């Protein structure tokens, strides 16, 4: 029944029992029709993961619709509101799928404290600036290796490599809040050690900001 009014959608989904089940089935069909168009270009509908991802997104959307039903204000069509929830859920899941295929980076350093994740030298920097940057990186890497735990280093490296907080937390077997605290503690330890060695974060960054000036 696609012709429900906003009030009928809300009433049916609040009703429970067969009435709610029927409304959820109708809403599910509507979302399934519109979702492929909403994420066209982001996911090949013929890919092996398309069907599983779509099913997961639809289930997530229906749960969110019920959870946030009281927040619907009727400023748009109910189905438009539900579609927006579906698109947000789909984009979130697509990001998760993309990052699942990326191995969690580890900070490996050689005897010279040269980190494997370090960016290539700045081509705009002068030879003297490149030497200063390399020396500063080695110094920072040494501090990281000496001050942080293995898990703190792995968390910090993952975030530096662009991993979403939620994905990094899942890979490390923790949750978002615990990971945030772990990163906060790691940064405090690094800041204290830098200060002990007579450096400030601004001084470290300035070495890399001088190139091209």
N, C-alpha and C. Protein backbone atom coordinates (compact mmCIF):
# COMPACT_ATOMS: atom_id res chain seq x y z
N UNK A 1 0.86 -1.21 0.00
CA UNK A 1 0.00 0.00 0.00
C UNK A 1 0.88 1.24 0.00
N UNK A 2 1.17 1.75 -1.19
CA UNK A 2 2.05 2.92 -1.33
C UNK A 2 1.31 4.23 -1.10
N UNK A 3 -0.02 4.18 -1.02
CA UNK A 3 -0.82 5.41 -0.99
C UNK A 3 -1.16 5.86 0.42
N UNK A 4 -0.49 5.34 1.40
CA UNK A 4 -0.73 5.80 2.78
C UNK A 4 -0.39 7.29 2.90
N UNK A 5 -1.11 7.96 3.73
CA UNK A 5 -0.74 9.33 4.09
C UNK A 5 0.36 9.25 5.16
N UNK A 6 0.96 10.38 5.44
CA UNK A 6 1.97 10.40 6.50
C UNK A 6 1.39 9.90 7.82
N UNK A 7 0.19 10.33 8.13
CA UNK A 7 -0.44 9.93 9.39
C UNK A 7 -0.70 8.44 9.42
N UNK A 8 -1.08 7.87 8.28
CA UNK A 8 -1.36 6.42 8.22
C UNK A 8 -0.08 5.60 8.37
N UNK A 9 1.01 6.07 7.77
CA UNK A 9 2.29 5.37 7.94
C UNK A 9 2.67 5.33 9.41
N UNK A 10 2.63 6.47 10.05
CA UNK A 10 3.02 6.55 11.45
C UNK A 10 2.11 5.68 12.32
N UNK A 11 0.82 5.77 12.09
CA UNK A 11 -0.15 5.00 12.89
C UNK A 11 0.05 3.50 12.69
N UNK A 12 0.25 3.07 11.45
CA UNK A 12 0.42 1.63 11.18
C UNK A 12 1.72 1.10 11.78
N UNK A 13 2.78 1.88 11.69
CA UNK A 13 4.06 1.42 12.23
C UNK A 13 4.07 1.43 13.76
N UNK A 14 3.22 2.23 14.36
CA UNK A 14 3.11 2.25 15.82
C UNK A 14 2.17 1.16 16.33
N UNK A 15 1.34 0.64 15.47
CA UNK A 15 0.24 -0.23 15.89
C UNK A 15 0.71 -1.57 16.45
N UNK A 16 1.81 -2.09 15.91
CA UNK A 16 2.24 -3.41 16.32
C UNK A 16 1.43 -4.49 15.62
N UNK A 17 1.79 -5.74 15.86
CA UNK A 17 1.06 -6.86 15.30
C UNK A 17 1.08 -6.90 13.79
N UNK A 18 0.01 -7.47 13.20
CA UNK A 18 -0.07 -7.63 11.75
C UNK A 18 -0.10 -6.29 11.02
N UNK A 19 -0.66 -5.32 11.65
CA UNK A 19 -0.75 -3.99 11.02
C UNK A 19 0.65 -3.39 10.84
N UNK A 20 1.47 -3.50 11.85
CA UNK A 20 2.84 -3.01 11.75
C UNK A 20 3.64 -3.85 10.76
N UNK A 21 3.47 -5.17 10.81
CA UNK A 21 4.19 -6.06 9.90
C UNK A 21 3.88 -5.72 8.46
N UNK A 22 2.61 -5.47 8.17
CA UNK A 22 2.22 -5.12 6.81
C UNK A 22 2.85 -3.81 6.36
N UNK A 23 2.88 -2.83 7.25
CA UNK A 23 3.48 -1.54 6.91
C UNK A 23 4.98 -1.68 6.66
N UNK A 24 5.65 -2.50 7.47
CA UNK A 24 7.09 -2.72 7.27
C UNK A 24 7.37 -3.43 5.96
N UNK A 25 6.53 -4.37 5.59
CA UNK A 25 6.71 -5.06 4.32
C UNK A 25 6.52 -4.11 3.14
N UNK A 26 5.52 -3.25 3.24
CA UNK A 26 5.29 -2.27 2.18
C UNK A 26 6.45 -1.27 2.09
N UNK A 27 6.92 -0.82 3.24
CA UNK A 27 8.03 0.14 3.26
C UNK A 27 9.30 -0.53 2.73
N UNK A 28 9.49 -1.77 3.07
CA UNK A 28 10.66 -2.51 2.58
C UNK A 28 10.66 -2.56 1.05
N UNK A 29 9.50 -2.84 0.46
CA UNK A 29 9.40 -2.91 -1.00
C UNK A 29 9.70 -1.56 -1.64
N UNK A 30 9.21 -0.49 -1.02
CA UNK A 30 9.45 0.86 -1.54
C UNK A 30 10.94 1.19 -1.50
N UNK A 31 11.59 0.88 -0.39
CA UNK A 31 13.02 1.16 -0.25
C UNK A 31 13.83 0.34 -1.25
N UNK A 32 13.46 -0.91 -1.43
CA UNK A 32 14.17 -1.77 -2.37
C UNK A 32 14.08 -1.25 -3.80
N UNK A 33 12.97 -0.62 -4.14
CA UNK A 33 12.81 -0.05 -5.48
C UNK A 33 13.68 1.18 -5.67
N UNK A 34 13.78 2.01 -4.63
CA UNK A 34 14.47 3.27 -4.79
C UNK A 34 15.95 3.26 -4.48
N UNK A 35 16.39 2.33 -3.65
CA UNK A 35 17.77 2.34 -3.18
C UNK A 35 18.80 2.20 -4.31
N UNK A 36 18.61 1.30 -5.28
CA UNK A 36 19.62 1.17 -6.34
C UNK A 36 19.88 2.48 -7.09
N UNK A 37 18.84 3.28 -7.29
CA UNK A 37 19.01 4.57 -7.98
C UNK A 37 19.77 5.56 -7.09
N UNK A 38 19.52 5.47 -5.79
CA UNK A 38 20.15 6.42 -4.87
C UNK A 38 21.65 6.21 -4.76
N UNK A 39 22.10 4.97 -4.93
CA UNK A 39 23.53 4.69 -4.78
C UNK A 39 24.17 4.30 -6.11
N UNK A 40 23.48 4.61 -7.20
CA UNK A 40 24.03 4.30 -8.52
C UNK A 40 25.37 5.00 -8.69
N UNK A 41 26.34 4.30 -9.22
CA UNK A 41 27.67 4.85 -9.41
C UNK A 41 28.60 4.55 -8.25
N UNK A 42 28.02 4.18 -7.12
CA UNK A 42 28.84 3.83 -5.95
C UNK A 42 28.98 2.32 -5.80
N UNK A 43 28.03 1.57 -6.35
CA UNK A 43 28.06 0.12 -6.22
C UNK A 43 27.42 -0.50 -7.45
N UNK A 44 28.15 -1.41 -8.09
CA UNK A 44 27.65 -2.12 -9.26
C UNK A 44 26.52 -3.06 -8.82
N UNK A 45 25.30 -2.86 -9.34
CA UNK A 45 24.18 -3.71 -8.91
C UNK A 45 24.38 -5.18 -9.25
N UNK A 46 25.31 -5.46 -10.17
CA UNK A 46 25.57 -6.86 -10.56
C UNK A 46 26.73 -7.48 -9.79
N UNK A 47 27.33 -6.70 -8.87
CA UNK A 47 28.46 -7.23 -8.11
C UNK A 47 27.97 -8.24 -7.09
N UNK A 48 28.82 -9.21 -6.71
CA UNK A 48 28.42 -10.24 -5.74
C UNK A 48 27.97 -9.69 -4.41
N UNK A 49 28.53 -8.55 -3.99
CA UNK A 49 28.20 -8.02 -2.68
C UNK A 49 26.97 -7.13 -2.69
N UNK A 50 26.45 -6.82 -3.88
CA UNK A 50 25.34 -5.88 -3.98
C UNK A 50 24.09 -6.38 -3.26
N UNK A 51 23.70 -7.61 -3.50
CA UNK A 51 22.48 -8.13 -2.91
C UNK A 51 22.57 -8.19 -1.39
N UNK A 52 23.70 -8.69 -0.88
CA UNK A 52 23.87 -8.79 0.56
C UNK A 52 23.89 -7.42 1.21
N UNK A 53 24.58 -6.47 0.57
CA UNK A 53 24.66 -5.13 1.13
C UNK A 53 23.29 -4.46 1.13
N UNK A 54 22.55 -4.62 0.04
CA UNK A 54 21.21 -4.02 -0.04
C UNK A 54 20.30 -4.57 1.04
N UNK A 55 20.36 -5.87 1.25
CA UNK A 55 19.53 -6.50 2.28
C UNK A 55 19.88 -5.96 3.66
N UNK A 56 21.18 -5.83 3.91
CA UNK A 56 21.63 -5.31 5.21
C UNK A 56 21.17 -3.87 5.41
N UNK A 57 21.26 -3.07 4.35
CA UNK A 57 20.85 -1.67 4.44
C UNK A 57 19.35 -1.56 4.68
N UNK A 58 18.57 -2.36 4.00
CA UNK A 58 17.12 -2.31 4.16
C UNK A 58 16.73 -2.67 5.60
N UNK A 59 17.33 -3.73 6.13
CA UNK A 59 17.03 -4.13 7.50
C UNK A 59 17.41 -3.02 8.49
N UNK A 60 18.59 -2.43 8.27
CA UNK A 60 19.04 -1.34 9.12
C UNK A 60 18.09 -0.15 9.03
N UNK A 61 17.63 0.14 7.83
CA UNK A 61 16.72 1.27 7.63
C UNK A 61 15.40 1.06 8.36
N UNK A 62 14.84 -0.13 8.25
CA UNK A 62 13.56 -0.41 8.92
C UNK A 62 13.70 -0.28 10.43
N UNK A 63 14.82 -0.74 10.97
CA UNK A 63 15.04 -0.61 12.41
C UNK A 63 15.17 0.85 12.82
N UNK A 64 15.88 1.64 11.99
CA UNK A 64 16.04 3.06 12.30
C UNK A 64 14.72 3.81 12.17
N UNK A 65 13.91 3.44 11.20
CA UNK A 65 12.60 4.09 11.03
C UNK A 65 11.75 3.89 12.28
N UNK A 66 11.74 2.67 12.79
CA UNK A 66 10.97 2.40 14.01
C UNK A 66 11.58 3.13 15.21
N UNK A 67 12.90 3.16 15.27
CA UNK A 67 13.58 3.81 16.40
C UNK A 67 13.33 5.31 16.43
N UNK A 68 13.34 5.93 15.23
CA UNK A 68 13.23 7.39 15.16
C UNK A 68 11.85 7.85 14.69
N UNK A 69 10.87 6.98 14.78
CA UNK A 69 9.54 7.30 14.29
C UNK A 69 8.98 8.57 14.94
N UNK A 70 9.26 8.74 16.21
CA UNK A 70 8.72 9.91 16.93
C UNK A 70 9.37 11.21 16.48
N UNK A 71 10.47 11.13 15.75
CA UNK A 71 11.14 12.36 15.29
C UNK A 71 10.60 12.83 13.94
N UNK A 72 9.77 12.02 13.30
CA UNK A 72 9.21 12.42 12.00
C UNK A 72 8.22 13.56 12.21
N UNK A 73 8.46 14.68 11.55
CA UNK A 73 7.65 15.88 11.77
C UNK A 73 6.65 16.15 10.66
N UNK A 74 6.65 15.33 9.63
CA UNK A 74 5.65 15.50 8.57
C UNK A 74 5.94 16.61 7.60
N UNK A 75 7.18 17.10 7.57
CA UNK A 75 7.52 18.19 6.65
C UNK A 75 7.72 17.70 5.22
N UNK A 76 7.85 16.41 5.05
CA UNK A 76 7.98 15.80 3.72
C UNK A 76 7.14 14.53 3.71
N UNK A 77 7.10 13.88 2.56
CA UNK A 77 6.42 12.59 2.50
C UNK A 77 7.16 11.59 3.40
N UNK A 78 6.40 10.74 4.07
CA UNK A 78 7.02 9.77 4.97
C UNK A 78 8.03 8.89 4.23
N UNK A 79 7.67 8.49 3.01
CA UNK A 79 8.57 7.62 2.26
C UNK A 79 9.86 8.35 1.86
N UNK A 80 9.76 9.66 1.63
CA UNK A 80 10.97 10.46 1.34
C UNK A 80 11.88 10.48 2.56
N UNK A 81 11.29 10.66 3.73
CA UNK A 81 12.05 10.64 4.98
C UNK A 81 12.74 9.29 5.17
N UNK A 82 12.00 8.21 4.90
CA UNK A 82 12.56 6.86 5.06
C UNK A 82 13.69 6.63 4.06
N UNK A 83 13.52 7.15 2.83
CA UNK A 83 14.57 6.99 1.81
C UNK A 83 15.86 7.69 2.23
N UNK A 84 15.73 8.86 2.86
CA UNK A 84 16.93 9.57 3.32
C UNK A 84 17.68 8.74 4.35
N UNK A 85 16.93 8.08 5.23
CA UNK A 85 17.55 7.20 6.22
C UNK A 85 18.25 6.05 5.51
N UNK A 86 17.61 5.51 4.47
CA UNK A 86 18.20 4.39 3.73
C UNK A 86 19.49 4.80 3.03
N UNK A 87 19.50 5.98 2.44
CA UNK A 87 20.70 6.45 1.73
C UNK A 87 21.85 6.65 2.70
N UNK A 88 21.57 7.25 3.86
CA UNK A 88 22.64 7.44 4.86
C UNK A 88 23.18 6.09 5.33
N UNK A 89 22.29 5.13 5.54
CA UNK A 89 22.72 3.80 5.97
C UNK A 89 23.55 3.13 4.88
N UNK A 90 23.14 3.31 3.63
CA UNK A 90 23.87 2.70 2.52
C UNK A 90 25.26 3.28 2.38
N UNK A 91 25.39 4.60 2.48
CA UNK A 91 26.70 5.24 2.35
C UNK A 91 27.63 4.82 3.49
N UNK A 92 27.06 4.72 4.70
CA UNK A 92 27.86 4.26 5.84
C UNK A 92 28.35 2.83 5.62
N UNK A 93 27.46 1.98 5.12
CA UNK A 93 27.85 0.58 4.89
C UNK A 93 28.85 0.45 3.76
N UNK A 94 28.72 1.27 2.73
CA UNK A 94 29.68 1.24 1.63
C UNK A 94 31.07 1.64 2.10
N UNK A 95 31.14 2.63 2.99
CA UNK A 95 32.43 3.02 3.55
C UNK A 95 33.03 1.88 4.36
N UNK A 96 32.18 1.21 5.12
CA UNK A 96 32.66 0.09 5.92
C UNK A 96 33.19 -1.03 5.04
N UNK A 97 32.46 -1.32 3.97
CA UNK A 97 32.88 -2.40 3.06
C UNK A 97 34.23 -2.05 2.43
N UNK A 98 34.39 -0.78 2.02
CA UNK A 98 35.65 -0.38 1.40
C UNK A 98 36.82 -0.54 2.35
N UNK A 99 36.63 -0.11 3.60
CA UNK A 99 37.73 -0.17 4.56
C UNK A 99 37.99 -1.58 5.06
N UNK A 100 36.96 -2.48 4.98
CA UNK A 100 37.19 -3.86 5.39
C UNK A 100 38.23 -4.55 4.51
N UNK A 101 38.35 -4.07 3.29
CA UNK A 101 39.29 -4.67 2.35
C UNK A 101 40.70 -4.14 2.51
N UNK A 102 40.85 -3.14 3.38
CA UNK A 102 42.17 -2.53 3.59
C UNK A 102 42.77 -3.09 4.87
N UNK A 103 43.96 -3.69 4.81
CA UNK A 103 44.56 -4.22 6.04
C UNK A 103 44.91 -3.11 7.01
N UNK A 104 44.74 -3.38 8.29
CA UNK A 104 45.07 -2.39 9.31
C UNK A 104 46.58 -2.18 9.31
N UNK A 105 47.02 -0.93 9.14
CA UNK A 105 48.46 -0.67 9.04
C UNK A 105 49.16 -0.84 10.38
N UNK A 106 50.41 -1.19 10.32
CA UNK A 106 51.24 -1.27 11.51
C UNK A 106 52.43 -0.36 11.33
N UNK A 107 52.89 0.20 12.43
CA UNK A 107 54.04 1.08 12.37
C UNK A 107 55.30 0.25 12.55
N UNK A 108 55.98 -0.03 11.45
CA UNK A 108 57.24 -0.76 11.50
C UNK A 108 58.38 0.22 11.25
N UNK A 109 59.39 0.16 12.08
CA UNK A 109 60.53 1.03 11.88
C UNK A 109 61.80 0.21 11.80
N UNK A 110 62.76 0.72 11.04
CA UNK A 110 64.04 0.03 10.94
C UNK A 110 64.98 0.54 12.02
N UNK A 111 66.22 0.12 11.95
CA UNK A 111 67.19 0.50 12.99
C UNK A 111 67.44 2.01 13.04
N UNK A 112 67.14 2.69 11.93
CA UNK A 112 67.34 4.14 11.89
C UNK A 112 66.08 4.90 12.27
N UNK A 113 65.08 4.16 12.81
CA UNK A 113 63.81 4.77 13.20
C UNK A 113 63.08 5.38 12.01
N UNK A 114 63.21 4.74 10.86
CA UNK A 114 62.52 5.19 9.65
C UNK A 114 61.22 4.41 9.54
N UNK A 115 60.08 5.10 9.69
CA UNK A 115 58.79 4.42 9.72
C UNK A 115 58.34 4.01 8.32
N UNK A 116 57.74 2.81 8.23
CA UNK A 116 57.31 2.30 6.93
C UNK A 116 56.16 3.10 6.35
N UNK A 117 55.36 3.76 7.22
CA UNK A 117 54.20 4.50 6.71
C UNK A 117 54.56 5.92 6.32
N UNK A 118 55.82 6.33 6.56
CA UNK A 118 56.18 7.73 6.36
C UNK A 118 55.97 8.15 4.91
N UNK A 119 55.49 9.35 4.73
CA UNK A 119 55.27 9.88 3.39
C UNK A 119 56.60 10.11 2.68
N UNK A 120 56.55 10.15 1.36
CA UNK A 120 57.75 10.42 0.57
C UNK A 120 58.23 11.83 0.86
N UNK A 121 59.53 12.07 0.71
CA UNK A 121 60.05 13.42 0.97
C UNK A 121 59.33 14.46 0.13
N UNK A 122 59.15 15.62 0.70
CA UNK A 122 58.49 16.72 0.02
C UNK A 122 59.40 17.23 -1.10
N UNK A 123 58.92 17.08 -2.35
CA UNK A 123 59.74 17.48 -3.50
C UNK A 123 59.93 18.99 -3.57
N UNK A 124 59.06 19.75 -2.91
CA UNK A 124 59.18 21.20 -2.92
C UNK A 124 60.22 21.69 -1.92
N UNK A 125 60.60 20.81 -1.01
CA UNK A 125 61.57 21.21 0.02
C UNK A 125 62.98 21.23 -0.56
N UNK A 126 63.79 22.11 -0.03
CA UNK A 126 65.20 22.17 -0.42
C UNK A 126 65.91 20.95 0.17
N UNK A 127 67.11 20.62 -0.31
CA UNK A 127 67.86 19.50 0.28
C UNK A 127 68.03 19.64 1.79
N UNK A 128 68.29 20.87 2.23
CA UNK A 128 68.46 21.09 3.67
C UNK A 128 67.15 20.83 4.43
N UNK A 129 66.03 21.26 3.83
CA UNK A 129 64.74 21.05 4.48
C UNK A 129 64.38 19.57 4.50
N UNK A 130 64.72 18.84 3.43
CA UNK A 130 64.44 17.41 3.40
C UNK A 130 65.23 16.68 4.48
N UNK A 131 66.48 17.08 4.69
CA UNK A 131 67.29 16.48 5.75
C UNK A 131 66.67 16.77 7.11
N UNK A 132 66.23 18.01 7.31
CA UNK A 132 65.60 18.39 8.59
C UNK A 132 64.32 17.60 8.82
N UNK A 133 63.54 17.42 7.75
CA UNK A 133 62.31 16.64 7.87
C UNK A 133 62.60 15.19 8.23
N UNK A 134 63.59 14.59 7.57
CA UNK A 134 63.94 13.20 7.84
C UNK A 134 64.42 13.02 9.27
N UNK A 135 65.24 13.95 9.73
CA UNK A 135 65.76 13.86 11.10
C UNK A 135 64.63 14.02 12.12
N UNK A 136 63.71 14.95 11.85
CA UNK A 136 62.60 15.15 12.77
C UNK A 136 61.70 13.91 12.79
N UNK A 137 61.46 13.28 11.63
CA UNK A 137 60.64 12.08 11.58
C UNK A 137 61.26 10.96 12.40
N UNK A 138 62.59 10.79 12.28
CA UNK A 138 63.28 9.75 13.05
C UNK A 138 63.14 10.02 14.55
N UNK A 139 63.24 11.29 14.91
CA UNK A 139 63.13 11.65 16.33
C UNK A 139 61.72 11.38 16.85
N UNK A 140 60.73 11.75 16.07
CA UNK A 140 59.34 11.51 16.46
C UNK A 140 59.05 10.02 16.50
N UNK A 141 59.54 9.28 15.51
CA UNK A 141 59.33 7.83 15.49
C UNK A 141 59.93 7.16 16.73
N UNK A 142 61.12 7.62 17.11
CA UNK A 142 61.78 7.05 18.30
C UNK A 142 60.92 7.30 19.54
N UNK A 143 60.39 8.50 19.65
CA UNK A 143 59.54 8.83 20.80
C UNK A 143 58.29 7.96 20.80
N UNK A 144 57.67 7.80 19.63
CA UNK A 144 56.47 6.97 19.52
C UNK A 144 56.76 5.54 19.95
N UNK A 145 57.87 4.99 19.47
CA UNK A 145 58.21 3.60 19.79
C UNK A 145 58.52 3.43 21.28
N UNK A 146 59.10 4.43 21.88
CA UNK A 146 59.49 4.32 23.29
C UNK A 146 58.35 4.62 24.25
N UNK A 147 57.43 5.49 23.86
CA UNK A 147 56.42 5.97 24.78
C UNK A 147 55.08 5.22 24.71
N UNK A 148 54.73 4.72 23.53
CA UNK A 148 53.39 4.15 23.34
C UNK A 148 53.40 2.63 23.39
N UNK A 149 52.27 2.07 23.80
CA UNK A 149 52.10 0.62 23.76
C UNK A 149 51.87 0.19 22.31
N UNK A 150 51.97 -1.11 22.08
CA UNK A 150 51.73 -1.63 20.72
C UNK A 150 50.35 -1.22 20.22
N UNK A 151 49.35 -1.33 21.10
CA UNK A 151 47.99 -1.03 20.69
C UNK A 151 47.81 0.46 20.42
N UNK A 152 48.44 1.30 21.23
CA UNK A 152 48.36 2.74 20.99
C UNK A 152 49.02 3.10 19.67
N UNK A 153 50.16 2.48 19.37
CA UNK A 153 50.84 2.75 18.10
C UNK A 153 49.97 2.31 16.93
N UNK A 154 49.35 1.14 17.06
CA UNK A 154 48.51 0.65 15.97
C UNK A 154 47.30 1.54 15.76
N UNK A 155 46.69 2.00 16.86
CA UNK A 155 45.53 2.88 16.76
C UNK A 155 45.93 4.20 16.12
N UNK A 156 47.03 4.78 16.56
CA UNK A 156 47.49 6.06 16.04
C UNK A 156 47.82 5.96 14.56
N UNK A 157 48.49 4.87 14.17
CA UNK A 157 48.85 4.68 12.77
C UNK A 157 47.61 4.51 11.90
N UNK A 158 46.62 3.77 12.40
CA UNK A 158 45.38 3.57 11.63
C UNK A 158 44.68 4.89 11.36
N UNK A 159 44.59 5.75 12.37
CA UNK A 159 43.93 7.03 12.20
C UNK A 159 44.74 7.93 11.27
N UNK A 160 46.06 7.87 11.38
CA UNK A 160 46.91 8.67 10.48
C UNK A 160 46.74 8.22 9.03
N UNK A 161 46.44 6.94 8.84
CA UNK A 161 46.25 6.42 7.49
C UNK A 161 44.83 6.66 6.97
N UNK A 162 43.98 7.26 7.79
CA UNK A 162 42.65 7.63 7.32
C UNK A 162 41.54 6.66 7.66
N UNK A 163 41.81 5.65 8.49
CA UNK A 163 40.76 4.71 8.87
C UNK A 163 39.67 5.42 9.66
N UNK A 164 38.39 5.16 9.35
CA UNK A 164 37.31 5.71 10.17
C UNK A 164 37.43 5.19 11.59
N UNK A 165 37.02 5.98 12.57
CA UNK A 165 37.15 5.61 13.97
C UNK A 165 36.42 4.30 14.27
N UNK A 166 35.22 4.16 13.73
CA UNK A 166 34.43 2.95 13.99
C UNK A 166 35.12 1.71 13.46
N UNK A 167 35.66 1.80 12.23
CA UNK A 167 36.32 0.65 11.62
C UNK A 167 37.60 0.30 12.37
N UNK A 168 38.38 1.31 12.74
CA UNK A 168 39.61 1.05 13.49
C UNK A 168 39.29 0.42 14.83
N UNK A 169 38.24 0.89 15.49
CA UNK A 169 37.85 0.32 16.79
C UNK A 169 37.48 -1.15 16.64
N UNK A 170 36.70 -1.47 15.60
CA UNK A 170 36.31 -2.85 15.39
C UNK A 170 37.50 -3.75 15.13
N UNK A 171 38.45 -3.28 14.32
CA UNK A 171 39.64 -4.08 14.01
C UNK A 171 40.49 -4.32 15.26
N UNK A 172 40.50 -3.35 16.16
CA UNK A 172 41.32 -3.45 17.36
C UNK A 172 40.59 -4.13 18.52
N UNK A 173 39.36 -4.58 18.25
CA UNK A 173 38.61 -5.30 19.26
C UNK A 173 38.12 -4.42 20.40
N UNK A 174 37.80 -3.17 20.08
CA UNK A 174 37.33 -2.26 21.12
C UNK A 174 36.16 -1.45 20.57
N UNK A 175 35.71 -0.44 21.29
CA UNK A 175 34.62 0.39 20.78
C UNK A 175 35.10 1.82 20.56
N UNK A 176 34.24 2.63 20.00
CA UNK A 176 34.61 3.99 19.61
C UNK A 176 35.09 4.82 20.80
N UNK A 177 34.36 4.75 21.91
CA UNK A 177 34.73 5.56 23.08
C UNK A 177 36.07 5.13 23.66
N UNK A 178 36.29 3.81 23.74
CA UNK A 178 37.56 3.31 24.28
C UNK A 178 38.72 3.69 23.37
N UNK A 179 38.48 3.64 22.05
CA UNK A 179 39.53 4.01 21.11
C UNK A 179 39.84 5.50 21.21
N UNK A 180 38.81 6.31 21.36
CA UNK A 180 39.02 7.75 21.49
C UNK A 180 39.87 8.05 22.73
N UNK A 181 39.59 7.35 23.85
CA UNK A 181 40.38 7.55 25.07
C UNK A 181 41.82 7.08 24.86
N UNK A 182 41.98 5.95 24.14
CA UNK A 182 43.31 5.43 23.87
C UNK A 182 44.13 6.44 23.08
N UNK A 183 43.51 7.05 22.07
CA UNK A 183 44.21 8.05 21.26
C UNK A 183 44.51 9.30 22.07
N UNK A 184 43.56 9.69 22.92
CA UNK A 184 43.77 10.87 23.77
C UNK A 184 44.95 10.65 24.71
N UNK A 185 45.00 9.47 25.33
CA UNK A 185 46.10 9.15 26.24
C UNK A 185 47.42 9.11 25.49
N UNK A 186 47.41 8.55 24.27
CA UNK A 186 48.63 8.47 23.48
C UNK A 186 49.15 9.86 23.14
N UNK A 187 48.27 10.75 22.76
CA UNK A 187 48.68 12.11 22.41
C UNK A 187 49.24 12.85 23.62
N UNK A 188 48.64 12.63 24.79
CA UNK A 188 49.15 13.27 26.00
C UNK A 188 50.56 12.78 26.32
N UNK A 189 50.77 11.46 26.17
CA UNK A 189 52.10 10.90 26.44
C UNK A 189 53.13 11.48 25.47
N UNK A 190 52.75 11.59 24.21
CA UNK A 190 53.67 12.13 23.21
C UNK A 190 53.97 13.61 23.49
N UNK A 191 52.93 14.35 23.87
CA UNK A 191 53.12 15.78 24.15
C UNK A 191 54.08 15.97 25.31
N UNK A 192 53.90 15.17 26.37
CA UNK A 192 54.77 15.28 27.54
C UNK A 192 56.21 14.92 27.19
N UNK A 193 56.38 13.88 26.35
CA UNK A 193 57.73 13.47 25.98
C UNK A 193 58.40 14.52 25.08
N UNK A 194 57.62 15.09 24.17
CA UNK A 194 58.16 16.16 23.32
C UNK A 194 58.62 17.34 24.17
N UNK A 195 57.78 17.71 25.15
CA UNK A 195 58.15 18.82 26.03
C UNK A 195 59.41 18.50 26.82
N UNK A 196 59.53 17.24 27.24
CA UNK A 196 60.71 16.82 28.00
C UNK A 196 61.97 16.95 27.15
N UNK A 197 61.82 16.75 25.83
CA UNK A 197 62.97 16.85 24.93
C UNK A 197 63.13 18.26 24.35
N UNK A 198 62.34 19.19 24.90
CA UNK A 198 62.48 20.58 24.48
C UNK A 198 61.79 20.90 23.17
N UNK A 199 60.78 20.09 22.81
CA UNK A 199 60.04 20.32 21.56
C UNK A 199 58.57 20.56 21.86
N UNK A 200 57.92 21.30 20.98
CA UNK A 200 56.47 21.46 21.03
C UNK A 200 55.90 20.89 19.74
N UNK A 201 54.63 20.49 19.75
CA UNK A 201 54.01 20.00 18.51
C UNK A 201 54.13 21.01 17.37
N UNK A 202 54.04 22.31 17.71
CA UNK A 202 54.14 23.34 16.69
C UNK A 202 55.53 23.35 16.04
N UNK A 203 56.56 23.12 16.86
CA UNK A 203 57.93 23.09 16.32
C UNK A 203 58.12 21.90 15.39
N UNK A 204 57.51 20.77 15.73
CA UNK A 204 57.60 19.59 14.87
C UNK A 204 56.93 19.86 13.54
N UNK A 205 55.71 20.43 13.60
CA UNK A 205 54.97 20.70 12.37
C UNK A 205 55.66 21.76 11.51
N UNK A 206 56.30 22.72 12.16
CA UNK A 206 56.91 23.81 11.41
C UNK A 206 58.00 23.31 10.47
N UNK A 207 58.65 22.23 10.83
CA UNK A 207 59.70 21.67 9.97
C UNK A 207 59.13 21.24 8.63
N UNK A 208 57.88 20.77 8.64
CA UNK A 208 57.24 20.28 7.43
C UNK A 208 56.44 21.36 6.71
N UNK A 209 56.30 22.51 7.32
CA UNK A 209 55.51 23.59 6.71
C UNK A 209 56.38 24.64 6.04
N UNK A 210 57.68 24.50 6.17
CA UNK A 210 58.56 25.52 5.61
C UNK A 210 58.78 25.35 4.12
N UNK A 211 58.57 24.12 3.62
CA UNK A 211 58.84 23.87 2.20
C UNK A 211 57.92 24.71 1.33
N UNK A 212 58.48 25.27 0.29
CA UNK A 212 57.69 26.00 -0.70
C UNK A 212 57.41 27.43 -0.31
N UNK A 213 57.90 27.84 0.86
CA UNK A 213 57.67 29.25 1.26
C UNK A 213 58.64 30.18 0.55
